[in-house]
Structures are given as structure tokens and as C-alpha cells.
Amino acid sequence: MRGIELPKRFQIPGPWHARYRESYRKLVGESGLPTRSRDMDEGERLVGELLSPILDEGSAGMGRDRGSLSWKRAVGGIARQDSRSPS
């Protein structure tokens, strides 16, 4: 991708945790997202579960299940129940 090396997993840059933790908490609070999402570490974990398989190219043949917030093996373009969660 234009000479940019993508990371293999999503991660918030280290200095951002201290610098933006309170701003993040306030912004999420105003967004109407669930209370658990107000913690930056939890937000990083949730986004990482979504993006890391894509960055690591581990999502091929997988579909995203919105209900369980996990990747599932896709059959005919539809996510199946026998899933594997990304680590």
C-alpha cells in the first residue's frame, strides 16, 4: 500500500494513553456508546478484535458477527456459528 508498512495488529500508540485518556472518556460519554466503551483500554481491545485479523490477513473467508462481536467462518458470504475469535 504505497510503501506504507501496516502493523500486524491494531494498537493505540503508547503516549496517547496518558495524553488522551480523559478526552477519550469524555468523547465516548457524549457519543451514547455503552459505558464499558469509555475505558480506553477496553476501546483498544474492541477495535483490535475488529481490525487485527484484517491487518494480519487472518480474516480471509471470515465474516463479522455483529451480535457476538467476533469473526466467524463464512459460508456463502454468511457468518456461521462455529467461530474462532481472533487473539
C-alpha atoms as a PDB file:
ATOM      1  CA  MET A   1       0.000   0.000   0.000  1.00  0.00           C
ATOM      2  CA  ARG A   2       2.123   2.862  -1.346  1.00  0.00           C
ATOM      3  CA  GLY A   3       5.175   1.811   0.603  1.00  0.00           C
ATOM      4  CA  ILE A   4       3.462   2.074   3.979  1.00  0.00           C
ATOM      5  CA  GLU A   5       4.089  -0.945   6.152  1.00  0.00           C
ATOM      6  CA  LEU A   6       0.932  -1.764   8.078  1.00  0.00           C
ATOM      7  CA  PRO A   7       1.145  -3.207  11.584  1.00  0.00           C
ATOM      8  CA  LYS A   8       0.034  -6.813  12.130  1.00  0.00           C
ATOM      9  CA  ARG A   9      -2.381  -5.746  14.881  1.00  0.00           C
ATOM     10  CA  PHE A  10      -4.219  -2.627  15.989  1.00  0.00           C
ATOM     11  CA  GLN A  11      -2.654  -0.760  18.885  1.00  0.00           C
ATOM     12  CA  ILE A  12      -3.102   2.756  20.254  1.00  0.00           C
ATOM     13  CA  PRO A  13       0.306   4.472  20.329  1.00  0.00           C
ATOM     14  CA  GLY A  14       1.762   4.316  23.857  1.00  0.00           C
ATOM     15  CA  PRO A  15       1.960   8.081  24.557  1.00  0.00           C
ATOM     16  CA  TRP A  16      -1.716   8.501  23.599  1.00  0.00           C
ATOM     17  CA  HIS A  17      -2.898   6.574  26.669  1.00  0.00           C
ATOM     18  CA  ALA A  18      -1.689   9.226  29.096  1.00  0.00           C
ATOM     19  CA  ARG A  19      -2.272  12.188  26.789  1.00  0.00           C
ATOM     20  CA  TYR A  20      -5.819  11.408  25.583  1.00  0.00           C
ATOM     21  CA  ARG A  21      -7.384   9.128  28.224  1.00  0.00           C
ATOM     22  CA  GLU A  22      -9.678  11.811  29.682  1.00  0.00           C
ATOM     23  CA  SER A  23     -10.562  13.289  26.283  1.00  0.00           C
ATOM     24  CA  TYR A  24     -11.397   9.795  25.062  1.00  0.00           C
ATOM     25  CA  ARG A  25     -13.609   9.101  28.088  1.00  0.00           C
ATOM     26  CA  LYS A  26     -15.475  12.390  27.578  1.00  0.00           C
ATOM     27  CA  LEU A  27     -15.938  11.890  23.832  1.00  0.00           C
ATOM     28  CA  VAL A  28     -17.247   8.344  24.264  1.00  0.00           C
ATOM     29  CA  GLY A  29     -19.560   9.551  27.036  1.00  0.00           C
ATOM     30  CA  GLU A  30     -21.072  12.113  24.671  1.00  0.00           C
ATOM     31  CA  SER A  31     -21.399   9.561  21.858  1.00  0.00           C
ATOM     32  CA  GLY A  32     -24.017   7.377  23.539  1.00  0.00           C
ATOM     33  CA  LEU A  33     -21.811   4.270  23.324  1.00  0.00           C
ATOM     34  CA  PRO A  34     -22.046   1.737  26.178  1.00  0.00           C
ATOM     35  CA  THR A  35     -20.397   2.719  29.464  1.00  0.00           C
ATOM     36  CA  ARG A  36     -17.779  -0.048  29.136  1.00  0.00           C
ATOM     37  CA  SER A  37     -16.505   1.647  25.980  1.00  0.00           C
ATOM     38  CA  ARG A  38     -15.435   4.711  27.999  1.00  0.00           C
ATOM     39  CA  ASP A  39     -12.281   2.934  29.107  1.00  0.00           C
ATOM     40  CA  MET A  40      -9.542   3.495  26.532  1.00  0.00           C
ATOM     41  CA  ASP A  41      -8.029   0.053  27.125  1.00  0.00           C
ATOM     42  CA  GLU A  42     -11.415  -1.602  26.529  1.00  0.00           C
ATOM     43  CA  GLY A  43     -11.921   0.508  23.402  1.00  0.00           C
ATOM     44  CA  GLU A  44      -8.495  -0.528  22.137  1.00  0.00           C
ATOM     45  CA  ARG A  45      -9.334  -4.182  22.804  1.00  0.00           C
ATOM     46  CA  LEU A  46     -12.668  -3.985  20.958  1.00  0.00           C
ATOM     47  CA  VAL A  47     -11.211  -2.180  17.933  1.00  0.00           C
ATOM     48  CA  GLY A  48      -8.270  -4.582  17.953  1.00  0.00           C
ATOM     49  CA  GLU A  49     -10.636  -7.564  17.759  1.00  0.00           C
ATOM     50  CA  LEU A  50     -12.230  -5.998  14.697  1.00  0.00           C
ATOM     51  CA  LEU A  51      -9.147  -4.760  12.846  1.00  0.00           C
ATOM     52  CA  SER A  52      -6.268  -7.044  13.852  1.00  0.00           C
ATOM     53  CA  PRO A  53      -7.475 -10.038  11.780  1.00  0.00           C
ATOM     54  CA  ILE A  54      -7.716  -7.738   8.753  1.00  0.00           C
ATOM     55  CA  LEU A  55      -4.261  -6.253   9.324  1.00  0.00           C
ATOM     56  CA  ASP A  56      -2.800  -9.727   9.795  1.00  0.00           C
ATOM     57  CA  GLU A  57      -4.745 -11.016   6.773  1.00  0.00           C
ATOM     58  CA  GLY A  58      -6.399 -13.614   9.031  1.00  0.00           C
ATOM     59  CA  SER A  59      -9.926 -12.617   8.041  1.00  0.00           C
ATOM     60  CA  ALA A  60      -9.942 -14.346   4.634  1.00  0.00           C
ATOM     61  CA  GLY A  61     -13.080 -16.469   4.392  1.00  0.00           C
ATOM     62  CA  MET A  62     -14.421 -14.942   7.582  1.00  0.00           C
ATOM     63  CA  GLY A  63     -17.415 -12.723   8.277  1.00  0.00           C
ATOM     64  CA  ARG A  64     -18.048 -10.308  11.125  1.00  0.00           C
ATOM     65  CA  ASP A  65     -20.875 -11.297  13.501  1.00  0.00           C
ATOM     66  CA  ARG A  66     -22.289  -8.093  14.969  1.00  0.00           C
ATOM     67  CA  GLY A  67     -24.116  -9.941  17.744  1.00  0.00           C
ATOM     68  CA  SER A  68     -21.088 -11.635  19.254  1.00  0.00           C
ATOM     69  CA  LEU A  69     -18.549  -9.033  18.065  1.00  0.00           C
ATOM     70  CA  SER A  70     -16.357 -11.795  16.654  1.00  0.00           C
ATOM     71  CA  TRP A  71     -15.105 -13.172  13.356  1.00  0.00           C
ATOM     72  CA  LYS A  72     -16.860 -16.297  12.083  1.00  0.00           C
ATOM     73  CA  ARG A  73     -16.119 -18.677   9.228  1.00  0.00           C
ATOM     74  CA  ALA A  74     -18.295 -17.527   6.319  1.00  0.00           C
ATOM     75  CA  VAL A  75     -20.316 -19.921   4.197  1.00  0.00           C
ATOM     76  CA  GLY A  76     -21.767 -18.380   1.067  1.00  0.00           C
ATOM     77  CA  GLY A  77     -20.973 -14.923   2.423  1.00  0.00           C
ATOM     78  CA  ILE A  78     -22.841 -15.540   5.696  1.00  0.00           C
ATOM     79  CA  ALA A  79     -21.060 -15.918   9.043  1.00  0.00           C
ATOM     80  CA  ARG A  80     -21.588 -19.339  10.705  1.00  0.00           C
ATOM     81  CA  GLN A  81     -21.811 -20.077  14.413  1.00  0.00           C
ATOM     82  CA  ASP A  82     -18.703 -22.284  14.685  1.00  0.00           C
ATOM     83  CA  SER A  83     -16.366 -19.382  15.063  1.00  0.00           C
ATOM     84  CA  ARG A  84     -12.875 -18.595  16.087  1.00  0.00           C
ATOM     85  CA  SER A  85     -12.183 -15.398  17.944  1.00  0.00           C
ATOM     86  CA  PRO A  86      -9.045 -13.513  16.992  1.00  0.00           C
ATOM     87  CA  SER A  87      -6.387 -13.275  19.640  1.00  0.00           C
END
